[in-house]
Amino acid sequence: MRIGSWLAAAGRFCYEFVVGDTPEIAVGVGVLIILAWVLSRGGGGVSAWLLPLAVAALLLGSLWRGRSAG
């Protein structure tokens, strides 16, 4: 029973750490990582610059929404 409660606590921590208050950022970053992986399979190095720029745009959009909402 002790291991089960430890696993549940670890799962709650991971969820709060990754998702937190904005699940759309977690989903967006996950989609971007998959997109970068798919693009990297084709070669060309597009994912090397696409992923950081897209994540920065996602975070800036979140900041903008948060600023205009509050």
N, C-alpha and C. Protein backbone atom coordinates (compact mmCIF):
# COMPACT_ATOMS: atom_id res chain seq x y z
N MET A 1 0.82 -1.19 0.00
CA MET A 1 0.00 0.00 0.00
C MET A 1 0.87 1.26 0.00
N ARG A 2 2.00 1.21 0.61
CA ARG A 2 2.89 2.37 0.70
C ARG A 2 3.44 2.74 -0.68
N ILE A 3 3.76 1.76 -1.50
CA ILE A 3 4.27 2.02 -2.83
C ILE A 3 3.19 2.65 -3.70
N GLY A 4 1.97 2.21 -3.55
CA GLY A 4 0.86 2.77 -4.32
C GLY A 4 0.64 4.24 -4.01
N SER A 5 0.71 4.60 -2.73
CA SER A 5 0.52 6.01 -2.37
C SER A 5 1.70 6.85 -2.85
N TRP A 6 2.90 6.29 -2.84
CA TRP A 6 4.06 7.01 -3.34
C TRP A 6 3.93 7.24 -4.85
N LEU A 7 3.46 6.23 -5.57
CA LEU A 7 3.27 6.39 -7.02
C LEU A 7 2.19 7.41 -7.33
N ALA A 8 1.13 7.42 -6.54
CA ALA A 8 0.07 8.41 -6.75
C ALA A 8 0.59 9.82 -6.49
N ALA A 9 1.37 9.99 -5.45
CA ALA A 9 1.94 11.31 -5.15
C ALA A 9 2.90 11.75 -6.25
N ALA A 10 3.71 10.83 -6.76
CA ALA A 10 4.63 11.16 -7.84
C ALA A 10 3.87 11.53 -9.11
N GLY A 11 2.77 10.83 -9.38
CA GLY A 11 1.94 11.16 -10.54
C GLY A 11 1.31 12.53 -10.42
N ARG A 12 0.81 12.86 -9.23
CA ARG A 12 0.23 14.20 -9.02
C ARG A 12 1.28 15.29 -9.19
N PHE A 13 2.49 15.04 -8.66
CA PHE A 13 3.56 16.02 -8.81
C PHE A 13 3.91 16.23 -10.28
N CYS A 14 4.06 15.15 -11.03
CA CYS A 14 4.41 15.26 -12.45
C CYS A 14 3.33 16.01 -13.22
N TYR A 15 2.08 15.73 -12.93
CA TYR A 15 0.98 16.43 -13.61
C TYR A 15 1.02 17.92 -13.29
N GLU A 16 1.18 18.27 -12.03
CA GLU A 16 1.23 19.69 -11.65
C GLU A 16 2.46 20.38 -12.22
N PHE A 17 3.58 19.66 -12.31
CA PHE A 17 4.80 20.26 -12.83
C PHE A 17 4.70 20.50 -14.33
N VAL A 18 4.17 19.55 -15.07
CA VAL A 18 4.10 19.67 -16.52
C VAL A 18 2.91 20.51 -16.95
N VAL A 19 1.75 20.25 -16.41
CA VAL A 19 0.53 20.93 -16.86
C VAL A 19 0.32 22.22 -16.08
N GLY A 20 0.33 22.15 -14.77
CA GLY A 20 0.13 23.33 -13.95
C GLY A 20 -1.20 24.00 -14.21
N ASP A 21 -1.17 25.33 -14.40
CA ASP A 21 -2.40 26.10 -14.60
C ASP A 21 -2.81 26.20 -16.06
N THR A 22 -1.92 25.89 -16.98
CA THR A 22 -2.21 26.09 -18.40
C THR A 22 -1.98 24.80 -19.18
N PRO A 23 -2.99 23.97 -19.28
CA PRO A 23 -2.81 22.72 -20.02
C PRO A 23 -2.60 22.95 -21.51
N GLU A 24 -3.06 24.09 -22.06
CA GLU A 24 -2.86 24.32 -23.49
C GLU A 24 -1.38 24.49 -23.85
N ILE A 25 -0.57 25.00 -22.93
CA ILE A 25 0.86 25.10 -23.20
C ILE A 25 1.48 23.71 -23.22
N ALA A 26 1.10 22.85 -22.28
CA ALA A 26 1.64 21.49 -22.25
C ALA A 26 1.26 20.73 -23.51
N VAL A 27 0.01 20.87 -23.94
CA VAL A 27 -0.42 20.20 -25.17
C VAL A 27 0.30 20.79 -26.38
N GLY A 28 0.43 22.12 -26.42
CA GLY A 28 1.12 22.77 -27.53
C GLY A 28 2.57 22.35 -27.66
N VAL A 29 3.26 22.29 -26.54
CA VAL A 29 4.66 21.86 -26.58
C VAL A 29 4.76 20.40 -27.00
N GLY A 30 3.84 19.56 -26.53
CA GLY A 30 3.84 18.16 -26.95
C GLY A 30 3.62 18.02 -28.45
N VAL A 31 2.67 18.78 -29.00
CA VAL A 31 2.43 18.76 -30.44
C VAL A 31 3.65 19.27 -31.21
N LEU A 32 4.28 20.31 -30.70
CA LEU A 32 5.47 20.84 -31.37
C LEU A 32 6.63 19.86 -31.36
N ILE A 33 6.78 19.13 -30.27
CA ILE A 33 7.85 18.13 -30.21
C ILE A 33 7.59 17.03 -31.22
N ILE A 34 6.34 16.58 -31.32
CA ILE A 34 6.01 15.55 -32.32
C ILE A 34 6.24 16.09 -33.73
N LEU A 35 5.82 17.33 -33.99
CA LEU A 35 6.02 17.94 -35.30
C LEU A 35 7.51 18.05 -35.63
N ALA A 36 8.31 18.45 -34.66
CA ALA A 36 9.75 18.55 -34.89
C ALA A 36 10.35 17.18 -35.17
N TRP A 37 9.87 16.16 -34.49
CA TRP A 37 10.38 14.81 -34.73
C TRP A 37 10.03 14.36 -36.15
N VAL A 38 8.78 14.62 -36.56
CA VAL A 38 8.37 14.22 -37.91
C VAL A 38 9.20 14.96 -38.96
N LEU A 39 9.42 16.25 -38.75
CA LEU A 39 10.22 17.02 -39.71
C LEU A 39 11.68 16.59 -39.72
N SER A 40 12.19 16.16 -38.56
CA SER A 40 13.59 15.74 -38.51
C SER A 40 13.82 14.41 -39.24
N ARG A 41 12.76 13.60 -39.34
CA ARG A 41 12.88 12.34 -40.06
C ARG A 41 13.11 12.56 -41.55
N GLY A 42 12.60 13.69 -42.06
CA GLY A 42 12.77 14.01 -43.47
C GLY A 42 14.10 14.66 -43.79
N GLY A 43 14.83 15.05 -42.77
CA GLY A 43 16.11 15.72 -42.98
C GLY A 43 15.91 17.19 -43.25
N GLY A 44 16.96 17.89 -43.56
CA GLY A 44 16.88 19.29 -43.88
C GLY A 44 17.13 20.23 -42.71
N GLY A 45 17.09 19.76 -41.50
CA GLY A 45 17.39 20.58 -40.34
C GLY A 45 16.33 21.61 -39.98
N VAL A 46 15.12 21.45 -40.48
CA VAL A 46 14.07 22.43 -40.19
C VAL A 46 13.72 22.43 -38.70
N SER A 47 13.72 21.27 -38.08
CA SER A 47 13.31 21.19 -36.69
C SER A 47 14.31 21.84 -35.74
N ALA A 48 15.54 22.04 -36.19
CA ALA A 48 16.56 22.64 -35.33
C ALA A 48 16.21 24.08 -34.98
N TRP A 49 15.58 24.79 -35.86
CA TRP A 49 15.20 26.17 -35.56
C TRP A 49 13.70 26.32 -35.35
N LEU A 50 12.91 25.38 -35.84
CA LEU A 50 11.46 25.49 -35.71
C LEU A 50 11.00 25.32 -34.26
N LEU A 51 11.51 24.34 -33.57
CA LEU A 51 11.04 24.03 -32.22
C LEU A 51 11.28 25.19 -31.25
N PRO A 52 12.49 25.75 -31.16
CA PRO A 52 12.66 26.87 -30.22
C PRO A 52 11.81 28.09 -30.57
N LEU A 53 11.70 28.41 -31.85
CA LEU A 53 10.88 29.56 -32.24
C LEU A 53 9.40 29.33 -31.95
N ALA A 54 8.92 28.14 -32.22
CA ALA A 54 7.51 27.84 -31.99
C ALA A 54 7.19 27.83 -30.49
N VAL A 55 8.07 27.29 -29.67
CA VAL A 55 7.84 27.29 -28.23
C VAL A 55 7.87 28.72 -27.69
N ALA A 56 8.81 29.54 -28.18
CA ALA A 56 8.85 30.94 -27.76
C ALA A 56 7.57 31.66 -28.16
N ALA A 57 7.06 31.41 -29.35
CA ALA A 57 5.81 32.03 -29.79
C ALA A 57 4.64 31.56 -28.93
N LEU A 58 4.63 30.30 -28.57
CA LEU A 58 3.58 29.76 -27.72
C LEU A 58 3.60 30.42 -26.34
N LEU A 59 4.78 30.58 -25.78
CA LEU A 59 4.89 31.21 -24.47
C LEU A 59 4.55 32.69 -24.52
N LEU A 60 4.97 33.39 -25.56
CA LEU A 60 4.62 34.80 -25.70
C LEU A 60 3.12 34.98 -25.87
N GLY A 61 2.49 34.10 -26.62
CA GLY A 61 1.04 34.15 -26.75
C GLY A 61 0.34 33.93 -25.42
N SER A 62 0.87 33.03 -24.62
CA SER A 62 0.29 32.78 -23.31
C SER A 62 0.45 34.01 -22.40
N LEU A 63 1.61 34.64 -22.45
CA LEU A 63 1.82 35.85 -21.66
C LEU A 63 0.88 36.98 -22.09
N TRP A 64 0.67 37.10 -23.39
CA TRP A 64 -0.20 38.13 -23.92
C TRP A 64 -1.64 37.91 -23.47
N ARG A 65 -2.09 36.65 -23.55
CA ARG A 65 -3.44 36.32 -23.08
C ARG A 65 -3.59 36.58 -21.60
N GLY A 66 -2.57 36.23 -20.83
CA GLY A 66 -2.63 36.45 -19.39
C GLY A 66 -2.63 37.92 -19.02
N ARG A 67 -1.89 38.69 -19.76
CA ARG A 67 -1.84 40.13 -19.49
C ARG A 67 -3.16 40.81 -19.84
N SER A 68 -3.76 40.41 -20.96
CA SER A 68 -5.02 41.03 -21.35
C SER A 68 -6.19 40.54 -20.51
N ALA A 69 -6.08 39.36 -19.92
CA ALA A 69 -7.16 38.83 -19.09
C ALA A 69 -7.14 39.43 -17.69
N GLY A 70 -5.96 39.82 -17.20
CA GLY A 70 -5.89 40.28 -15.82
C GLY A 70 -5.46 41.65 -15.75
